[in-house]
């Protein structure tokens, strides 16, 4: 187990941030994203550098593990990209669609059988 340079707390190597003080434990965070099926054999690697010159670097990799191209953006542009990728409205997940369809089916049944819920005034 290693120690956090910020607070001295014990931290397992698998952690990216100190669980005690939230200090970044690595100078770089990396995530891989598989490509859409039409770009089979490719992957996107996104690296966030947390050093004196913070930036985000995108690189495209092929199936042999070779980088085909890379570009870095500053923190402001990374935030702008994040907003661009965020859906304008929340996407419904499978359960929401199932519940919506079920509610529509119940409403259709009620209207076809003539049973309506009435409220007294």
N, C-alpha and C. Protein backbone atom coordinates (compact mmCIF):
# COMPACT_ATOMS: atom_id res chain seq x y z
N UNK A 1 0.85 -1.18 0.00
CA UNK A 1 0.00 0.00 0.00
C UNK A 1 0.90 1.24 0.00
N UNK A 2 0.53 2.20 -0.84
CA UNK A 2 1.31 3.44 -0.91
C UNK A 2 0.66 4.51 -0.04
N UNK A 3 1.41 5.58 0.19
CA UNK A 3 0.89 6.70 0.98
C UNK A 3 0.59 7.88 0.06
N UNK A 4 -0.45 8.61 0.39
CA UNK A 4 -0.80 9.82 -0.35
C UNK A 4 0.24 10.90 -0.05
N UNK A 5 0.75 11.53 -1.10
CA UNK A 5 1.75 12.59 -0.93
C UNK A 5 1.13 13.83 -0.28
N UNK A 6 -0.18 14.00 -0.42
CA UNK A 6 -0.87 15.18 0.11
C UNK A 6 -1.15 15.06 1.61
N UNK A 7 -1.79 13.94 2.01
CA UNK A 7 -2.23 13.82 3.41
C UNK A 7 -1.53 12.71 4.18
N UNK A 8 -0.83 11.82 3.48
CA UNK A 8 -0.13 10.73 4.14
C UNK A 8 -0.97 9.50 4.41
N UNK A 9 -2.25 9.53 4.03
CA UNK A 9 -3.13 8.39 4.25
C UNK A 9 -2.74 7.21 3.38
N UNK A 10 -3.04 6.01 3.86
CA UNK A 10 -2.76 4.80 3.10
C UNK A 10 -3.73 4.65 1.93
N UNK A 11 -3.17 4.34 0.75
CA UNK A 11 -3.99 4.24 -0.45
C UNK A 11 -3.56 3.03 -1.27
N UNK A 12 -4.52 2.24 -1.71
CA UNK A 12 -4.23 1.11 -2.59
C UNK A 12 -3.84 1.64 -3.96
N UNK A 13 -2.98 0.90 -4.65
CA UNK A 13 -2.47 1.35 -5.95
C UNK A 13 -3.56 1.50 -7.01
N UNK A 14 -4.66 0.78 -6.86
CA UNK A 14 -5.72 0.85 -7.88
C UNK A 14 -6.48 2.17 -7.88
N UNK A 15 -6.36 2.96 -6.79
CA UNK A 15 -7.08 4.21 -6.70
C UNK A 15 -6.42 5.31 -7.52
N UNK A 16 -7.24 6.16 -8.13
CA UNK A 16 -6.75 7.31 -8.89
C UNK A 16 -6.70 8.56 -8.03
N UNK A 17 -7.56 8.60 -7.02
CA UNK A 17 -7.62 9.73 -6.11
C UNK A 17 -7.55 9.21 -4.68
N UNK A 18 -6.98 9.99 -3.78
CA UNK A 18 -6.89 9.61 -2.38
C UNK A 18 -8.30 9.57 -1.79
N UNK A 19 -8.70 8.47 -1.14
CA UNK A 19 -10.04 8.40 -0.55
C UNK A 19 -10.18 9.29 0.68
N UNK A 20 -9.06 9.79 1.22
CA UNK A 20 -9.10 10.61 2.42
C UNK A 20 -9.15 12.11 2.12
N UNK A 21 -8.41 12.56 1.09
CA UNK A 21 -8.36 14.00 0.82
C UNK A 21 -8.71 14.35 -0.64
N UNK A 22 -8.95 13.36 -1.48
CA UNK A 22 -9.33 13.52 -2.89
C UNK A 22 -8.21 14.05 -3.78
N UNK A 23 -6.97 14.05 -3.29
CA UNK A 23 -5.84 14.50 -4.12
C UNK A 23 -5.61 13.48 -5.24
N UNK A 24 -5.32 13.95 -6.46
CA UNK A 24 -5.02 13.00 -7.53
C UNK A 24 -3.73 12.24 -7.21
N UNK A 25 -3.76 10.95 -7.43
CA UNK A 25 -2.60 10.11 -7.12
C UNK A 25 -1.74 9.86 -8.35
N UNK A 26 -2.28 10.17 -9.50
CA UNK A 26 -1.55 9.97 -10.74
C UNK A 26 -1.45 11.29 -11.47
N UNK A 27 -0.44 11.44 -12.26
CA UNK A 27 -0.26 12.63 -13.08
C UNK A 27 -1.11 12.56 -14.33
N UNK A 28 -1.59 11.36 -14.66
CA UNK A 28 -2.35 11.18 -15.88
C UNK A 28 -3.42 10.11 -15.65
N UNK A 29 -4.64 10.40 -16.07
CA UNK A 29 -5.73 9.44 -16.04
C UNK A 29 -6.00 9.02 -17.48
N UNK A 30 -6.21 7.74 -17.71
CA UNK A 30 -6.38 7.24 -19.08
C UNK A 30 -7.62 6.35 -19.15
N UNK A 31 -8.39 6.52 -20.20
CA UNK A 31 -9.53 5.65 -20.49
C UNK A 31 -9.48 5.27 -21.96
N UNK A 32 -9.85 4.02 -22.26
CA UNK A 32 -9.97 3.56 -23.65
C UNK A 32 -11.45 3.41 -23.98
N UNK A 33 -11.81 3.76 -25.20
CA UNK A 33 -13.18 3.62 -25.66
C UNK A 33 -13.17 2.84 -26.96
N UNK A 34 -13.90 1.73 -27.03
CA UNK A 34 -13.95 0.97 -28.28
C UNK A 34 -14.71 1.77 -29.34
N UNK A 35 -14.35 1.54 -30.58
CA UNK A 35 -14.97 2.26 -31.69
C UNK A 35 -16.35 1.70 -32.01
N UNK A 36 -17.11 2.49 -32.73
CA UNK A 36 -18.37 2.05 -33.30
C UNK A 36 -18.05 0.90 -34.26
N UNK A 37 -18.97 -0.06 -34.45
CA UNK A 37 -18.68 -1.19 -35.34
C UNK A 37 -18.19 -0.79 -36.74
N UNK A 38 -18.61 0.35 -37.25
CA UNK A 38 -18.15 0.75 -38.59
C UNK A 38 -16.67 1.11 -38.60
N UNK A 39 -16.08 1.33 -37.42
CA UNK A 39 -14.65 1.62 -37.30
C UNK A 39 -13.95 0.48 -36.56
N UNK A 40 -14.37 -0.74 -36.85
CA UNK A 40 -13.80 -1.91 -36.17
C UNK A 40 -12.28 -1.90 -36.28
N UNK A 41 -11.64 -2.35 -35.22
CA UNK A 41 -10.18 -2.39 -35.19
C UNK A 41 -9.54 -1.11 -34.69
N UNK A 42 -10.36 -0.14 -34.32
CA UNK A 42 -9.86 1.14 -33.82
C UNK A 42 -10.31 1.32 -32.37
N UNK A 43 -9.64 2.21 -31.68
CA UNK A 43 -10.02 2.56 -30.32
C UNK A 43 -9.61 4.01 -30.07
N UNK A 44 -10.32 4.66 -29.17
CA UNK A 44 -10.00 6.02 -28.78
C UNK A 44 -9.43 5.97 -27.37
N UNK A 45 -8.27 6.57 -27.21
CA UNK A 45 -7.66 6.68 -25.89
C UNK A 45 -7.72 8.14 -25.49
N UNK A 46 -8.26 8.41 -24.29
CA UNK A 46 -8.35 9.77 -23.79
C UNK A 46 -7.52 9.84 -22.52
N UNK A 47 -6.57 10.77 -22.52
CA UNK A 47 -5.68 10.96 -21.36
C UNK A 47 -5.90 12.35 -20.80
N UNK A 48 -6.10 12.42 -19.49
CA UNK A 48 -6.22 13.72 -18.81
C UNK A 48 -4.96 13.90 -17.98
N UNK A 49 -4.20 14.93 -18.32
CA UNK A 49 -2.96 15.23 -17.63
C UNK A 49 -3.24 16.20 -16.48
N UNK A 50 -2.76 15.85 -15.30
CA UNK A 50 -3.04 16.61 -14.09
C UNK A 50 -1.80 17.34 -13.57
N UNK A 51 -0.86 17.61 -14.44
CA UNK A 51 0.39 18.23 -14.01
C UNK A 51 0.32 19.75 -14.12
N UNK A 52 1.46 20.40 -14.21
CA UNK A 52 1.52 21.86 -14.27
C UNK A 52 0.84 22.45 -15.51
N UNK A 53 0.71 21.65 -16.55
CA UNK A 53 0.08 22.07 -17.80
C UNK A 53 -1.12 21.17 -18.07
N UNK A 54 -2.23 21.34 -17.32
CA UNK A 54 -3.37 20.42 -17.48
C UNK A 54 -3.96 20.50 -18.88
N UNK A 55 -4.20 19.34 -19.46
CA UNK A 55 -4.83 19.25 -20.78
C UNK A 55 -5.38 17.85 -20.97
N UNK A 56 -6.13 17.67 -22.04
CA UNK A 56 -6.71 16.38 -22.38
C UNK A 56 -6.19 16.01 -23.76
N UNK A 57 -5.73 14.77 -23.90
CA UNK A 57 -5.17 14.31 -25.18
C UNK A 57 -5.99 13.15 -25.69
N UNK A 58 -6.37 13.23 -26.97
CA UNK A 58 -7.12 12.18 -27.63
C UNK A 58 -6.21 11.51 -28.64
N UNK A 59 -6.21 10.18 -28.65
CA UNK A 59 -5.42 9.48 -29.65
C UNK A 59 -6.21 8.31 -30.20
N UNK A 60 -6.05 8.07 -31.49
CA UNK A 60 -6.73 6.97 -32.18
C UNK A 60 -5.71 5.85 -32.36
N UNK A 61 -6.09 4.66 -31.94
CA UNK A 61 -5.21 3.49 -32.00
C UNK A 61 -5.79 2.46 -32.97
N UNK A 62 -4.93 1.73 -33.63
CA UNK A 62 -5.40 0.66 -34.50
C UNK A 62 -5.27 -0.68 -33.79
N UNK A 63 -5.68 -1.76 -34.47
CA UNK A 63 -5.69 -3.08 -33.84
C UNK A 63 -4.30 -3.62 -33.50
N UNK A 64 -3.24 -3.03 -34.07
CA UNK A 64 -1.88 -3.47 -33.74
C UNK A 64 -1.30 -2.73 -32.56
N UNK A 65 -2.05 -1.76 -32.02
CA UNK A 65 -1.55 -0.98 -30.89
C UNK A 65 -0.71 0.21 -31.31
N UNK A 66 -0.89 0.64 -32.57
CA UNK A 66 -0.15 1.78 -33.10
C UNK A 66 -1.04 3.02 -33.08
N UNK A 67 -0.47 4.13 -32.66
CA UNK A 67 -1.22 5.39 -32.66
C UNK A 67 -1.26 5.92 -34.09
N UNK A 68 -2.47 6.23 -34.55
CA UNK A 68 -2.63 6.78 -35.90
C UNK A 68 -2.65 8.29 -35.91
N UNK A 69 -3.03 8.90 -34.81
CA UNK A 69 -3.09 10.35 -34.71
C UNK A 69 -3.46 10.75 -33.31
N UNK A 70 -3.09 11.97 -32.94
CA UNK A 70 -3.40 12.46 -31.60
C UNK A 70 -3.54 13.97 -31.64
N UNK A 71 -4.33 14.48 -30.70
CA UNK A 71 -4.50 15.92 -30.54
C UNK A 71 -4.79 16.21 -29.07
N UNK A 72 -4.25 17.33 -28.60
CA UNK A 72 -4.50 17.76 -27.22
C UNK A 72 -5.37 19.00 -27.23
N UNK A 73 -6.21 19.13 -26.21
CA UNK A 73 -7.01 20.33 -26.03
C UNK A 73 -6.83 20.80 -24.59
N UNK A 74 -6.98 22.11 -24.38
CA UNK A 74 -6.84 22.63 -23.02
C UNK A 74 -8.11 22.33 -22.23
N UNK A 75 -8.09 22.65 -20.95
CA UNK A 75 -9.21 22.35 -20.07
C UNK A 75 -10.51 23.02 -20.52
N UNK A 76 -10.42 24.23 -21.02
CA UNK A 76 -11.61 24.95 -21.48
C UNK A 76 -12.25 24.22 -22.67
N UNK A 77 -11.44 23.79 -23.62
CA UNK A 77 -11.97 23.08 -24.77
C UNK A 77 -12.48 21.69 -24.38
N UNK A 78 -11.83 21.06 -23.40
CA UNK A 78 -12.31 19.76 -22.92
C UNK A 78 -13.70 19.90 -22.30
N UNK A 79 -13.92 20.97 -21.54
CA UNK A 79 -15.24 21.22 -20.96
C UNK A 79 -16.27 21.48 -22.06
N UNK A 80 -15.86 22.23 -23.07
CA UNK A 80 -16.75 22.50 -24.20
C UNK A 80 -17.14 21.20 -24.91
N UNK A 81 -16.16 20.32 -25.10
CA UNK A 81 -16.42 19.03 -25.73
C UNK A 81 -17.37 18.19 -24.88
N UNK A 82 -17.17 18.21 -23.58
CA UNK A 82 -18.05 17.48 -22.67
C UNK A 82 -19.49 17.95 -22.81
N UNK A 83 -19.70 19.25 -22.88
CA UNK A 83 -21.06 19.80 -23.07
C UNK A 83 -21.62 19.40 -24.42
N UNK A 84 -20.79 19.37 -25.44
CA UNK A 84 -21.23 18.98 -26.77
C UNK A 84 -21.70 17.53 -26.80
N UNK A 85 -21.00 16.66 -26.09
CA UNK A 85 -21.33 15.23 -26.08
C UNK A 85 -22.51 14.89 -25.19
N UNK A 86 -22.82 15.75 -24.23
CA UNK A 86 -23.94 15.52 -23.32
C UNK A 86 -25.24 15.65 -24.11
N UNK A 87 -26.15 14.68 -23.97
CA UNK A 87 -27.42 14.78 -24.70
C UNK A 87 -28.21 16.01 -24.26
N UNK A 88 -28.94 16.61 -25.19
CA UNK A 88 -29.71 17.81 -24.86
C UNK A 88 -30.86 17.50 -23.92
N UNK A 89 -31.33 16.29 -23.95
CA UNK A 89 -32.35 15.85 -22.99
C UNK A 89 -31.99 14.44 -22.57
N UNK A 90 -32.36 14.06 -21.37
CA UNK A 90 -32.01 12.71 -20.90
C UNK A 90 -32.58 11.64 -21.81
N UNK A 91 -31.78 10.66 -22.11
CA UNK A 91 -32.24 9.54 -22.92
C UNK A 91 -32.94 8.55 -22.01
N UNK A 92 -34.03 8.00 -22.48
CA UNK A 92 -34.73 7.01 -21.66
C UNK A 92 -34.00 5.68 -21.78
N UNK A 93 -33.94 4.99 -20.68
CA UNK A 93 -33.34 3.67 -20.70
C UNK A 93 -34.43 2.64 -20.93
N UNK A 94 -34.08 1.41 -21.04
CA UNK A 94 -35.02 0.34 -21.38
C UNK A 94 -36.23 0.27 -20.47
N UNK A 95 -36.02 0.42 -19.17
CA UNK A 95 -37.12 0.32 -18.23
C UNK A 95 -38.12 1.45 -18.44
N UNK A 96 -37.65 2.65 -18.69
CA UNK A 96 -38.55 3.78 -18.93
C UNK A 96 -39.43 3.52 -20.14
N UNK A 97 -38.83 3.00 -21.21
CA UNK A 97 -39.59 2.71 -22.42
C UNK A 97 -40.63 1.62 -22.15
N UNK A 98 -40.28 0.60 -21.40
CA UNK A 98 -41.21 -0.48 -21.07
C UNK A 98 -42.38 0.07 -20.27
N UNK A 99 -42.09 0.89 -19.26
CA UNK A 99 -43.16 1.46 -18.43
C UNK A 99 -44.06 2.39 -19.24
N UNK A 100 -43.47 3.19 -20.14
CA UNK A 100 -44.26 4.09 -20.99
C UNK A 100 -45.19 3.28 -21.88
N UNK A 101 -44.66 2.20 -22.50
CA UNK A 101 -45.48 1.36 -23.37
C UNK A 101 -46.59 0.66 -22.59
N UNK A 102 -46.28 0.22 -21.38
CA UNK A 102 -47.28 -0.44 -20.54
C UNK A 102 -48.39 0.54 -20.16
N UNK A 103 -48.03 1.76 -19.81
CA UNK A 103 -49.03 2.77 -19.46
C UNK A 103 -49.92 3.08 -20.66
N UNK A 104 -49.34 3.15 -21.84
CA UNK A 104 -50.13 3.41 -23.05
C UNK A 104 -51.08 2.25 -23.33
N UNK A 105 -50.59 1.02 -23.10
CA UNK A 105 -51.44 -0.15 -23.30
C UNK A 105 -52.60 -0.17 -22.33
N UNK A 106 -52.35 0.16 -21.06
CA UNK A 106 -53.44 0.23 -20.08
C UNK A 106 -54.46 1.29 -20.45
N UNK A 107 -53.99 2.44 -20.89
CA UNK A 107 -54.90 3.52 -21.29
C UNK A 107 -55.75 3.08 -22.47
N UNK A 108 -55.15 2.37 -23.41
CA UNK A 108 -55.91 1.89 -24.58
C UNK A 108 -56.96 0.88 -24.17
N UNK A 109 -56.60 0.00 -23.24
CA UNK A 109 -57.57 -1.00 -22.75
C UNK A 109 -58.75 -0.32 -22.07
N UNK A 110 -58.44 0.67 -21.24
CA UNK A 110 -59.52 1.37 -20.52
C UNK A 110 -60.46 2.07 -21.49
N UNK A 111 -59.90 2.71 -22.50
CA UNK A 111 -60.76 3.45 -23.43
C UNK A 111 -61.56 2.49 -24.31
N UNK A 112 -61.01 1.32 -24.63
CA UNK A 112 -61.74 0.38 -25.49
C UNK A 112 -62.84 -0.35 -24.72
N UNK A 113 -62.69 -0.50 -23.41
CA UNK A 113 -63.72 -1.18 -22.61
C UNK A 113 -64.72 -0.20 -22.02
N UNK A 114 -64.43 1.08 -22.17
CA UNK A 114 -65.34 2.08 -21.66
C UNK A 114 -65.20 2.34 -20.18
N UNK A 115 -64.26 1.67 -19.53
CA UNK A 115 -64.09 1.92 -18.09
C UNK A 115 -63.22 3.14 -17.92
N UNK A 116 -63.77 4.11 -17.25
CA UNK A 116 -63.05 5.36 -17.00
C UNK A 116 -63.09 5.64 -15.52
N UNK A 117 -62.02 6.15 -15.07
CA UNK A 117 -61.97 6.53 -13.65
C UNK A 117 -62.61 7.90 -13.53
N UNK A 118 -63.57 8.01 -12.65
CA UNK A 118 -64.24 9.30 -12.46
C UNK A 118 -63.98 9.79 -11.06
N UNK A 119 -63.98 11.07 -10.92
CA UNK A 119 -63.81 11.67 -9.61
C UNK A 119 -65.07 12.44 -9.27
N UNK A 120 -65.46 12.42 -8.02
CA UNK A 120 -66.64 13.18 -7.61
C UNK A 120 -66.23 14.59 -7.25
N UNK A 121 -67.12 15.57 -7.58
CA UNK A 121 -66.79 16.96 -7.29
C UNK A 121 -67.44 17.43 -6.05
